Amino acid sequence: NAKNTVYLQMNTLKPEDTAVYYCAADLWSPVCRTPMETADFNSWGQG
């Protein structure tokens, strides 16, 4: 919170993890929804 930064620590990486990774914020809700849907997130990074 002090850095206003979220991290994703990825260990034991596999070839199938190859992708462009994006972070996104759901500015409508403080709670993660299940399942995760791109339409629920309204602010995105560039990847």
All heavy atoms as atom14 arrays in JSON, in Angstrom:
{
  "sequence": "NAKNTVYLQMNTLKPEDTAVYYCAADLWSPVCRTPMETADFNSWGQG",
  "atom14_mask": [
    [1, 1, 1, 1, 1, 1, 1, 1, 0, 0, 0, 0, 0, 0],
    [1, 1, 1, 1, 1, 0, 0, 0, 0, 0, 0, 0, 0, 0],
    [1, 1, 1, 1, 1, 1, 1, 1, 1, 0, 0, 0, 0, 0],
    [1, 1, 1, 1, 1, 1, 1, 1, 0, 0, 0, 0, 0, 0],
    [1, 1, 1, 1, 1, 1, 1, 0, 0, 0, 0, 0, 0, 0],
    [1, 1, 1, 1, 1, 1, 1, 0, 0, 0, 0, 0, 0, 0],
    [1, 1, 1, 1, 1, 1, 1, 1, 1, 1, 1, 1, 0, 0],
    [1, 1, 1, 1, 1, 1, 1, 1, 0, 0, 0, 0, 0, 0],
    [1, 1, 1, 1, 1, 1, 1, 1, 1, 0, 0, 0, 0, 0],
    [1, 1, 1, 1, 1, 1, 1, 1, 0, 0, 0, 0, 0, 0],
    [1, 1, 1, 1, 1, 1, 1, 1, 0, 0, 0, 0, 0, 0],
    [1, 1, 1, 1, 1, 1, 1, 0, 0, 0, 0, 0, 0, 0],
    [1, 1, 1, 1, 1, 1, 1, 1, 0, 0, 0, 0, 0, 0],
    [1, 1, 1, 1, 1, 1, 1, 1, 1, 0, 0, 0, 0, 0],
    [1, 1, 1, 1, 1, 1, 1, 0, 0, 0, 0, 0, 0, 0],
    [1, 1, 1, 1, 1, 1, 1, 1, 1, 0, 0, 0, 0, 0],
    [1, 1, 1, 1, 1, 1, 1, 1, 0, 0, 0, 0, 0, 0],
    [1, 1, 1, 1, 1, 1, 1, 0, 0, 0, 0, 0, 0, 0],
    [1, 1, 1, 1, 1, 0, 0, 0, 0, 0, 0, 0, 0, 0],
    [1, 1, 1, 1, 1, 1, 1, 0, 0, 0, 0, 0, 0, 0],
    [1, 1, 1, 1, 1, 1, 1, 1, 1, 1, 1, 1, 0, 0],
    [1, 1, 1, 1, 1, 1, 1, 1, 1, 1, 1, 1, 0, 0],
    [1, 1, 1, 1, 1, 1, 0, 0, 0, 0, 0, 0, 0, 0],
    [1, 1, 1, 1, 1, 0, 0, 0, 0, 0, 0, 0, 0, 0],
    [1, 1, 1, 1, 1, 0, 0, 0, 0, 0, 0, 0, 0, 0],
    [1, 1, 1, 1, 1, 1, 1, 1, 0, 0, 0, 0, 0, 0],
    [1, 1, 1, 1, 1, 1, 1, 1, 0, 0, 0, 0, 0, 0],
    [1, 1, 1, 1, 1, 1, 1, 1, 1, 1, 1, 1, 1, 1],
    [1, 1, 1, 1, 1, 1, 0, 0, 0, 0, 0, 0, 0, 0],
    [1, 1, 1, 1, 1, 1, 1, 0, 0, 0, 0, 0, 0, 0],
    [1, 1, 1, 1, 1, 1, 1, 0, 0, 0, 0, 0, 0, 0],
    [1, 1, 1, 1, 1, 1, 0, 0, 0, 0, 0, 0, 0, 0],
    [1, 1, 1, 1, 1, 1, 1, 1, 1, 1, 1, 0, 0, 0],
    [1, 1, 1, 1, 1, 1, 1, 0, 0, 0, 0, 0, 0, 0],
    [1, 1, 1, 1, 1, 1, 1, 0, 0, 0, 0, 0, 0, 0],
    [1, 1, 1, 1, 1, 1, 1, 1, 0, 0, 0, 0, 0, 0],
    [1, 1, 1, 1, 1, 1, 1, 1, 1, 0, 0, 0, 0, 0],
    [1, 1, 1, 1, 1, 1, 1, 0, 0, 0, 0, 0, 0, 0],
    [1, 1, 1, 1, 1, 0, 0, 0, 0, 0, 0, 0, 0, 0],
    [1, 1, 1, 1, 1, 1, 1, 1, 0, 0, 0, 0, 0, 0],
    [1, 1, 1, 1, 1, 1, 1, 1, 1, 1, 1, 0, 0, 0],
    [1, 1, 1, 1, 1, 1, 1, 1, 0, 0, 0, 0, 0, 0],
    [1, 1, 1, 1, 1, 1, 0, 0, 0, 0, 0, 0, 0, 0],
    [1, 1, 1, 1, 1, 1, 1, 1, 1, 1, 1, 1, 1, 1],
    [1, 1, 1, 1, 0, 0, 0, 0, 0, 0, 0, 0, 0, 0],
    [1, 1, 1, 1, 1, 1, 1, 1, 1, 0, 0, 0, 0, 0],
    [1, 1, 1, 1, 0, 0, 0, 0, 0, 0, 0, 0, 0, 0]
  ],
  "atom14_positions": [
    [[0.82, -1.22, 0.0], [0.0, 0.0, 0.0], [0.85, 1.27, 0.0], [0.48, 2.27, -0.62], [-0.92, 0.0, 1.21], [-1.97, -1.1, 1.13], [-2.28, -1.59, 0.05], [-2.49, -1.5, 2.28], [0.0, 0.0, 0.0], [0.0, 0.0, 0.0], [0.0, 0.0, 0.0], [0.0, 0.0, 0.0], [0.0, 0.0, 0.0], [0.0, 0.0, 0.0]],
    [[1.98, 1.22, 0.66], [2.85, 2.4, 0.73], [3.37, 2.79, -0.66], [3.54, 3.97, -0.96], [4.0, 2.15, 1.69], [0.0, 0.0, 0.0], [0.0, 0.0, 0.0], [0.0, 0.0, 0.0], [0.0, 0.0, 0.0], [0.0, 0.0, 0.0], [0.0, 0.0, 0.0], [0.0, 0.0, 0.0], [0.0, 0.0, 0.0], [0.0, 0.0, 0.0]],
    [[3.61, 1.77, -1.49], [4.11, 2.02, -2.84], [2.99, 2.05, -3.87], [3.25, 2.28, -5.05], [5.14, 0.95, -3.22], [6.4, 0.99, -2.37], [7.41, -0.04, -2.83], [8.7, 0.04, -2.02], [9.7, -0.97, -2.45], [0.0, 0.0, 0.0], [0.0, 0.0, 0.0], [0.0, 0.0, 0.0], [0.0, 0.0, 0.0], [0.0, 0.0, 0.0]],
    [[1.76, 1.77, -3.41], [0.61, 1.71, -4.32], [0.91, 0.78, -5.5], [0.67, 1.11, -6.67], [0.23, 3.1, -4.83], [-1.25, 3.21, -5.15], [-2.08, 2.49, -4.6], [-1.59, 4.11, -6.05], [0.0, 0.0, 0.0], [0.0, 0.0, 0.0], [0.0, 0.0, 0.0], [0.0, 0.0, 0.0], [0.0, 0.0, 0.0], [0.0, 0.0, 0.0]],
    [[1.43, -0.38, -5.17], [1.89, -1.34, -6.16], [1.42, -2.74, -5.8], [1.39, -3.11, -4.62], [3.44, -1.32, -6.25], [3.87, -0.02, -6.64], [3.95, -2.34, -7.26], [0.0, 0.0, 0.0], [0.0, 0.0, 0.0], [0.0, 0.0, 0.0], [0.0, 0.0, 0.0], [0.0, 0.0, 0.0], [0.0, 0.0, 0.0], [0.0, 0.0, 0.0]],
    [[1.02, -3.47, -6.82], [0.65, -4.87, -6.66], [1.69, -5.73, -7.38], [2.19, -5.33, -8.44], [-0.76, -5.14, -7.23], [-1.06, -6.62, -7.31], [-1.81, -4.46, -6.37], [0.0, 0.0, 0.0], [0.0, 0.0, 0.0], [0.0, 0.0, 0.0], [0.0, 0.0, 0.0], [0.0, 0.0, 0.0], [0.0, 0.0, 0.0], [0.0, 0.0, 0.0]],
    [[1.98, -6.87, -6.8], [2.99, -7.75, -7.36], [2.4, -9.11, -7.7], [1.39, -9.54, -7.11], [4.13, -7.96, -6.35], [4.78, -6.68, -5.91], [4.41, -6.07, -4.73], [5.78, -6.1, -6.67], [5.0, -4.88, -4.31], [6.39, -4.91, -6.26], [5.99, -4.32, -5.08], [6.58, -3.15, -4.68], [0.0, 0.0, 0.0], [0.0, 0.0, 0.0]],
    [[3.03, -9.78, -8.63], [2.71, -11.17, -8.93], [4.03, -11.94, -8.94], [4.82, -11.8, -9.87], [1.99, -11.32, -10.26], [1.5, -12.74, -10.57], [0.37, -13.13, -9.6], [1.02, -12.86, -12.01], [0.0, 0.0, 0.0], [0.0, 0.0, 0.0], [0.0, 0.0, 0.0], [0.0, 0.0, 0.0], [0.0, 0.0, 0.0], [0.0, 0.0, 0.0]],
    [[4.26, -12.68, -7.88], [5.44, -13.53, -7.8], [5.14, -14.84, -8.5], [4.19, -15.53, -8.13], [5.83, -13.79, -6.34], [7.03, -14.7, -6.17], [8.32, -14.09, -6.66], [8.6, -12.92, -6.42], [9.13, -14.88, -7.37], [0.0, 0.0, 0.0], [0.0, 0.0, 0.0], [0.0, 0.0, 0.0], [0.0, 0.0, 0.0], [0.0, 0.0, 0.0]],
    [[5.95, -15.16, -9.49], [5.71, -16.35, -10.3], [6.9, -17.29, -10.15], [8.02, -16.95, -10.54], [5.51, -15.97, -11.76], [4.42, -14.94, -11.99], [4.08, -14.61, -13.73], [5.64, -13.93, -14.26], [0.0, 0.0, 0.0], [0.0, 0.0, 0.0], [0.0, 0.0, 0.0], [0.0, 0.0, 0.0], [0.0, 0.0, 0.0], [0.0, 0.0, 0.0]],
    [[6.64, -18.45, -9.57], [7.68, -19.45, -9.36], [7.4, -20.69, -10.18], [6.28, -20.9, -10.65], [7.78, -19.81, -7.88], [8.15, -18.64, -7.0], [8.89, -17.73, -7.42], [7.65, -18.62, -5.78], [0.0, 0.0, 0.0], [0.0, 0.0, 0.0], [0.0, 0.0, 0.0], [0.0, 0.0, 0.0], [0.0, 0.0, 0.0], [0.0, 0.0, 0.0]],
    [[8.4, -21.51, -10.34], [8.28, -22.77, -11.07], [7.58, -22.55, -12.41], [6.59, -23.21, -12.75], [7.53, -23.83, -10.24], [7.93, -23.77, -8.87], [7.82, -25.24, -10.76], [0.0, 0.0, 0.0], [0.0, 0.0, 0.0], [0.0, 0.0, 0.0], [0.0, 0.0, 0.0], [0.0, 0.0, 0.0], [0.0, 0.0, 0.0], [0.0, 0.0, 0.0]],
    [[8.06, -21.6, -13.14], [7.42, -21.22, -14.39], [7.51, -22.34, -15.42], [8.5, -23.09, -15.47], [8.05, -19.94, -14.94], [7.58, -18.66, -14.23], [8.54, -17.52, -14.49], [6.17, -18.31, -14.66], [0.0, 0.0, 0.0], [0.0, 0.0, 0.0], [0.0, 0.0, 0.0], [0.0, 0.0, 0.0], [0.0, 0.0, 0.0], [0.0, 0.0, 0.0]],
    [[6.46, -22.42, -16.22], [6.34, -23.44, -17.25], [6.21, -22.77, -18.61], [5.76, -21.62, -18.7], [5.11, -24.31, -17.0], [5.06, -24.95, -15.63], [3.74, -25.69, -15.43], [3.66, -26.33, -14.05], [2.37, -27.05, -13.85], [0.0, 0.0, 0.0], [0.0, 0.0, 0.0], [0.0, 0.0, 0.0], [0.0, 0.0, 0.0], [0.0, 0.0, 0.0]],
    [[6.54, -23.48, -19.69], [6.38, -22.88, -21.03], [4.95, -22.39, -21.27], [4.76, -21.37, -21.96], [6.75, -24.04, -21.96], [7.73, -24.84, -21.17], [7.23, -24.78, -19.75], [0.0, 0.0, 0.0], [0.0, 0.0, 0.0], [0.0, 0.0, 0.0], [0.0, 0.0, 0.0], [0.0, 0.0, 0.0], [0.0, 0.0, 0.0], [0.0, 0.0, 0.0]],
    [[3.97, -23.07, -20.72], [2.58, -22.66, -20.92], [2.21, -21.38, -20.17], [1.11, -20.86, -20.34], [1.61, -23.79, -20.53], [1.84, -24.38, -19.16], [2.67, -25.65, -19.21], [3.7, -25.68, -19.96], [2.32, -26.61, -18.49], [0.0, 0.0, 0.0], [0.0, 0.0, 0.0], [0.0, 0.0, 0.0], [0.0, 0.0, 0.0], [0.0, 0.0, 0.0]],
    [[3.12, -20.87, -19.35], [2.9, -19.58, -18.71], [3.28, -18.42, -19.62], [3.05, -17.26, -19.29], [3.72, -19.48, -17.42], [3.27, -20.45, -16.35], [2.05, -20.63, -16.18], [4.15, -21.04, -15.69], [0.0, 0.0, 0.0], [0.0, 0.0, 0.0], [0.0, 0.0, 0.0], [0.0, 0.0, 0.0], [0.0, 0.0, 0.0], [0.0, 0.0, 0.0]],
    [[3.86, -18.72, -20.77], [4.26, -17.69, -21.72], [3.03, -16.91, -22.19], [2.06, -17.49, -22.68], [4.97, -18.3, -22.93], [6.2, -18.9, -22.48], [5.27, -17.26, -23.99], [0.0, 0.0, 0.0], [0.0, 0.0, 0.0], [0.0, 0.0, 0.0], [0.0, 0.0, 0.0], [0.0, 0.0, 0.0], [0.0, 0.0, 0.0], [0.0, 0.0, 0.0]],
    [[3.08, -15.59, -22.02], [1.95, -14.74, -22.37], [2.32, -13.28, -22.09], [3.35, -13.01, -21.47], [0.72, -15.11, -21.55], [0.0, 0.0, 0.0], [0.0, 0.0, 0.0], [0.0, 0.0, 0.0], [0.0, 0.0, 0.0], [0.0, 0.0, 0.0], [0.0, 0.0, 0.0], [0.0, 0.0, 0.0], [0.0, 0.0, 0.0], [0.0, 0.0, 0.0]],
    [[1.45, -12.4, -22.54], [1.52, -11.01, -22.09], [0.65, -10.92, -20.83], [-0.49, -11.37, -20.83], [1.01, -10.03, -23.16], [1.04, -8.6, -22.63], [1.85, -10.15, -24.43], [0.0, 0.0, 0.0], [0.0, 0.0, 0.0], [0.0, 0.0, 0.0], [0.0, 0.0, 0.0], [0.0, 0.0, 0.0], [0.0, 0.0, 0.0], [0.0, 0.0, 0.0]],
    [[1.24, -10.38, -19.78], [0.55, -10.27, -18.5], [0.09, -8.83, -18.29], [0.85, -7.88, -18.49], [1.47, -10.71, -17.37], [1.61, -12.21, -17.28], [2.32, -12.93, -18.24], [1.02, -12.93, -16.25], [2.44, -14.3, -18.19], [1.13, -14.31, -16.17], [1.83, -14.98, -17.15], [1.94, -16.35, -17.09], [0.0, 0.0, 0.0], [0.0, 0.0, 0.0]],
    [[-1.16, -8.71, -17.86], [-1.77, -7.41, -17.63], [-2.28, -7.32, -16.2], [-2.83, -8.28, -15.67], [-2.98, -7.2, -18.55], [-2.69, -7.27, -20.03], [-2.73, -8.49, -20.7], [-2.4, -6.13, -20.76], [-2.47, -8.57, -22.07], [-2.15, -6.18, -22.12], [-2.19, -7.41, -22.76], [-1.95, -7.47, -24.12], [0.0, 0.0, 0.0], [0.0, 0.0, 0.0]],
    [[-2.12, -6.16, -15.6], [-2.83, -5.91, -14.35], [-4.03, -5.02, -14.66], [-4.04, -4.28, -15.65], [-1.93, -5.28, -13.29], [-1.4, -3.61, -13.62], [0.0, 0.0, 0.0], [0.0, 0.0, 0.0], [0.0, 0.0, 0.0], [0.0, 0.0, 0.0], [0.0, 0.0, 0.0], [0.0, 0.0, 0.0], [0.0, 0.0, 0.0], [0.0, 0.0, 0.0]],
    [[-5.04, -5.15, -13.83], [-6.28, -4.43, -14.06], [-6.96, -4.13, -12.74], [-6.82, -4.9, -11.78], [-7.2, -5.24, -14.96], [0.0, 0.0, 0.0], [0.0, 0.0, 0.0], [0.0, 0.0, 0.0], [0.0, 0.0, 0.0], [0.0, 0.0, 0.0], [0.0, 0.0, 0.0], [0.0, 0.0, 0.0], [0.0, 0.0, 0.0], [0.0, 0.0, 0.0]],
    [[-7.7, -3.05, -12.71], [-8.43, -2.66, -11.5], [-9.93, -2.7, -11.76], [-10.39, -2.25, -12.82], [-8.01, -1.26, -11.07], [0.0, 0.0, 0.0], [0.0, 0.0, 0.0], [0.0, 0.0, 0.0], [0.0, 0.0, 0.0], [0.0, 0.0, 0.0], [0.0, 0.0, 0.0], [0.0, 0.0, 0.0], [0.0, 0.0, 0.0], [0.0, 0.0, 0.0]],
    [[-10.65, -3.23, -10.79], [-12.11, -3.2, -10.83], [-12.55, -2.0, -10.02], [-12.7, -2.09, -8.79], [-12.66, -4.5, -10.26], [-14.18, -4.55, -10.27], [-14.8, -3.53, -10.62], [-14.73, -5.59, -9.94], [0.0, 0.0, 0.0], [0.0, 0.0, 0.0], [0.0, 0.0, 0.0], [0.0, 0.0, 0.0], [0.0, 0.0, 0.0], [0.0, 0.0, 0.0]],
    [[-12.74, -0.88, -10.68], [-13.06, 0.35, -9.98], [-14.52, 0.41, -9.5], [-14.95, 1.43, -8.96], [-12.74, 1.55, -10.86], [-11.26, 1.65, -11.29], [-11.04, 2.88, -12.17], [-10.34, 1.7, -10.08], [0.0, 0.0, 0.0], [0.0, 0.0, 0.0], [0.0, 0.0, 0.0], [0.0, 0.0, 0.0], [0.0, 0.0, 0.0], [0.0, 0.0, 0.0]],
    [[-15.26, -0.69, -9.72], [-16.62, -0.75, -9.22], [-16.73, -1.56, -7.93], [-17.79, -1.56, -7.3], [-17.53, -1.39, -10.27], [-17.71, -0.57, -11.5], [-18.07, 0.74, -11.55], [-17.57, -1.0, -12.85], [-18.16, 1.16, -12.87], [-17.86, 0.12, -13.68], [-17.23, -2.2, -13.46], [-17.8, 0.05, -15.08], [-17.19, -2.27, -14.85], [-17.47, -1.15, -15.64]],
    [[-15.68, -2.26, -7.57], [-15.83, -3.18, -6.46], [-14.52, -3.4, -5.73], [-13.47, -3.51, -6.35], [-16.34, -4.54, -6.96], [-16.35, -5.49, -5.92], [0.0, 0.0, 0.0], [0.0, 0.0, 0.0], [0.0, 0.0, 0.0], [0.0, 0.0, 0.0], [0.0, 0.0, 0.0], [0.0, 0.0, 0.0], [0.0, 0.0, 0.0], [0.0, 0.0, 0.0]],
    [[-14.56, -3.5, -4.39], [-13.36, -3.84, -3.62], [-13.16, -5.34, -3.48], [-12.17, -5.78, -2.88], [-13.64, -3.21, -2.25], [-15.13, -3.3, -2.12], [-15.69, -3.14, -3.51], [0.0, 0.0, 0.0], [0.0, 0.0, 0.0], [0.0, 0.0, 0.0], [0.0, 0.0, 0.0], [0.0, 0.0, 0.0], [0.0, 0.0, 0.0], [0.0, 0.0, 0.0]],
    [[-14.09, -6.1, -4.03], [-14.08, -7.55, -3.85], [-13.87, -8.25, -5.19], [-14.53, -7.92, -6.19], [-15.4, -8.04, -3.22], [-15.36, -9.55, -3.01], [-15.66, -7.32, -1.9], [0.0, 0.0, 0.0], [0.0, 0.0, 0.0], [0.0, 0.0, 0.0], [0.0, 0.0, 0.0], [0.0, 0.0, 0.0], [0.0, 0.0, 0.0], [0.0, 0.0, 0.0]],
    [[-12.98, -9.21, -5.19], [-12.76, -10.0, -6.4], [-14.01, -10.83, -6.69], [-14.59, -11.42, -5.78], [-11.57, -10.94, -6.23], [-9.98, -10.1, -6.05], [0.0, 0.0, 0.0], [0.0, 0.0, 0.0], [0.0, 0.0, 0.0], [0.0, 0.0, 0.0], [0.0, 0.0, 0.0], [0.0, 0.0, 0.0], [0.0, 0.0, 0.0], [0.0, 0.0, 0.0]],
    [[-14.38, -10.87, -7.94], [-15.55, -11.65, -8.34], [-15.09, -12.96, -8.99], [-14.05, -13.04, -9.61], [-16.41, -10.87, -9.33], [-16.74, -9.47, -8.85], [-17.62, -8.73, -9.81], [-17.23, -7.35, -9.96], [-18.04, -6.39, -10.39], [-19.26, -6.68, -10.76], [-17.59, -5.14, -10.53], [0.0, 0.0, 0.0], [0.0, 0.0, 0.0], [0.0, 0.0, 0.0]],
    [[-15.93, -13.97, -8.83], [-15.64, -15.28, -9.38], [-16.74, -15.66, -10.37], [-17.92, -15.6, -10.02], [-15.59, -16.35, -8.26], [-14.65, -15.93, -7.28], [-15.17, -17.68, -8.82], [0.0, 0.0, 0.0], [0.0, 0.0, 0.0], [0.0, 0.0, 0.0], [0.0, 0.0, 0.0], [0.0, 0.0, 0.0], [0.0, 0.0, 0.0], [0.0, 0.0, 0.0]],
    [[-16.38, -16.08, -11.58], [-15.02, -16.16, -12.1], [-14.48, -14.78, -12.48], [-15.24, -13.82, -12.57], [-15.17, -17.04, -13.34], [-16.56, -16.74, -13.82], [-17.37, -16.5, -12.58], [0.0, 0.0, 0.0], [0.0, 0.0, 0.0], [0.0, 0.0, 0.0], [0.0, 0.0, 0.0], [0.0, 0.0, 0.0], [0.0, 0.0, 0.0], [0.0, 0.0, 0.0]],
    [[-13.18, -14.69, -12.7], [-12.61, -13.43, -13.14], [-12.99, -13.19, -14.59], [-12.72, -14.0, -15.46], [-11.08, -13.47, -13.01], [-10.56, -13.43, -11.58], [-8.75, -13.46, -11.52], [-8.37, -11.89, -12.29], [0.0, 0.0, 0.0], [0.0, 0.0, 0.0], [0.0, 0.0, 0.0], [0.0, 0.0, 0.0], [0.0, 0.0, 0.0], [0.0, 0.0, 0.0]],
    [[-13.61, -12.06, -14.84], [-14.03, -11.7, -16.18], [-13.39, -10.37, -16.57], [-13.41, -9.43, -15.78], [-15.55, -11.57, -16.26], [-16.32, -12.82, -15.89], [-16.29, -13.87, -16.98], [-15.77, -13.58, -18.08], [-16.79, -14.99, -16.73], [0.0, 0.0, 0.0], [0.0, 0.0, 0.0], [0.0, 0.0, 0.0], [0.0, 0.0, 0.0], [0.0, 0.0, 0.0]],
    [[-12.89, -10.29, -17.79], [-12.27, -9.04, -18.23], [-13.26, -7.88, -18.18], [-12.88, -6.75, -17.9], [-11.7, -9.18, -19.65], [-12.75, -9.59, -20.54], [-10.59, -10.22, -19.69], [0.0, 0.0, 0.0], [0.0, 0.0, 0.0], [0.0, 0.0, 0.0], [0.0, 0.0, 0.0], [0.0, 0.0, 0.0], [0.0, 0.0, 0.0], [0.0, 0.0, 0.0]],
    [[-14.53, -8.17, -18.41], [-15.54, -7.1, -18.45], [-15.75, -6.44, -17.09], [-16.28, -5.33, -17.02], [-16.86, -7.66, -18.95], [0.0, 0.0, 0.0], [0.0, 0.0, 0.0], [0.0, 0.0, 0.0], [0.0, 0.0, 0.0], [0.0, 0.0, 0.0], [0.0, 0.0, 0.0], [0.0, 0.0, 0.0], [0.0, 0.0, 0.0], [0.0, 0.0, 0.0]],
    [[-15.33, -7.09, -16.03], [-15.5, -6.52, -14.68], [-14.39, -5.54, -14.33], [-14.49, -4.84, -13.33], [-15.52, -7.64, -13.64], [-16.78, -8.49, -13.73], [-17.82, -7.95, -14.15], [-16.7, -9.68, -13.39], [0.0, 0.0, 0.0], [0.0, 0.0, 0.0], [0.0, 0.0, 0.0], [0.0, 0.0, 0.0], [0.0, 0.0, 0.0], [0.0, 0.0, 0.0]],
    [[-13.34, -5.5, -15.11], [-12.19, -4.66, -14.82], [-12.16, -3.5, -15.81], [-12.21, -3.72, -17.03], [-10.9, -5.47, -14.88], [-10.79, -6.46, -13.76], [-11.48, -7.67, -13.79], [-10.02, -6.18, -12.64], [-11.4, -8.57, -12.74], [-9.92, -7.08, -11.59], [-10.61, -8.28, -11.65], [0.0, 0.0, 0.0], [0.0, 0.0, 0.0], [0.0, 0.0, 0.0]],
    [[-12.1, -2.29, -15.3], [-12.27, -1.14, -16.17], [-11.05, -0.23, -16.27], [-11.12, 0.84, -16.85], [-13.48, -0.32, -15.74], [-13.57, -0.17, -14.23], [-12.6, -0.4, -13.52], [-14.73, 0.2, -13.74], [0.0, 0.0, 0.0], [0.0, 0.0, 0.0], [0.0, 0.0, 0.0], [0.0, 0.0, 0.0], [0.0, 0.0, 0.0], [0.0, 0.0, 0.0]],
    [[-9.94, -0.65, -15.71], [-8.7, 0.08, -15.91], [-7.59, -0.94, -16.11], [-7.43, -1.84, -15.28], [-8.39, 0.97, -14.71], [-7.19, 1.7, -14.94], [0.0, 0.0, 0.0], [0.0, 0.0, 0.0], [0.0, 0.0, 0.0], [0.0, 0.0, 0.0], [0.0, 0.0, 0.0], [0.0, 0.0, 0.0], [0.0, 0.0, 0.0], [0.0, 0.0, 0.0]],
    [[-6.83, -0.79, -17.19], [-5.84, -1.8, -17.58], [-4.48, -1.18, -17.82], [-4.38, -0.03, -18.29], [-6.29, -2.49, -18.87], [-7.5, -3.34, -18.71], [-8.8, -2.94, -18.69], [-7.52, -4.76, -18.52], [-9.62, -4.01, -18.5], [-8.87, -5.15, -18.4], [-6.52, -5.75, -18.45], [-9.25, -6.48, -18.21], [-6.9, -7.07, -18.27], [-8.26, -7.42, -18.15]],
    [[-3.45, -1.94, -17.51], [-2.11, -1.55, -17.89], [-1.82, -1.95, -19.32], [-2.66, -2.55, -20.0], [0.0, 0.0, 0.0], [0.0, 0.0, 0.0], [0.0, 0.0, 0.0], [0.0, 0.0, 0.0], [0.0, 0.0, 0.0], [0.0, 0.0, 0.0], [0.0, 0.0, 0.0], [0.0, 0.0, 0.0], [0.0, 0.0, 0.0], [0.0, 0.0, 0.0]],
    [[-0.62, -1.66, -19.76], [-0.25, -1.92, -21.16], [0.25, -3.33, -21.39], [0.36, -3.77, -22.53], [0.82, -0.91, -21.6], [2.25, -1.27, -21.21], [2.55, -1.13, -19.73], [1.75, -0.6, -18.97], [3.73, -1.63, -19.31], [0.0, 0.0, 0.0], [0.0, 0.0, 0.0], [0.0, 0.0, 0.0], [0.0, 0.0, 0.0], [0.0, 0.0, 0.0]],
    [[0.56, -4.04, -20.32], [1.02, -5.42, -20.43], [2.53, -5.55, -20.42], [3.26, -4.62, -20.79], [0.0, 0.0, 0.0], [0.0, 0.0, 0.0], [0.0, 0.0, 0.0], [0.0, 0.0, 0.0], [0.0, 0.0, 0.0], [0.0, 0.0, 0.0], [0.0, 0.0, 0.0], [0.0, 0.0, 0.0], [0.0, 0.0, 0.0], [0.0, 0.0, 0.0]]
  ]
}
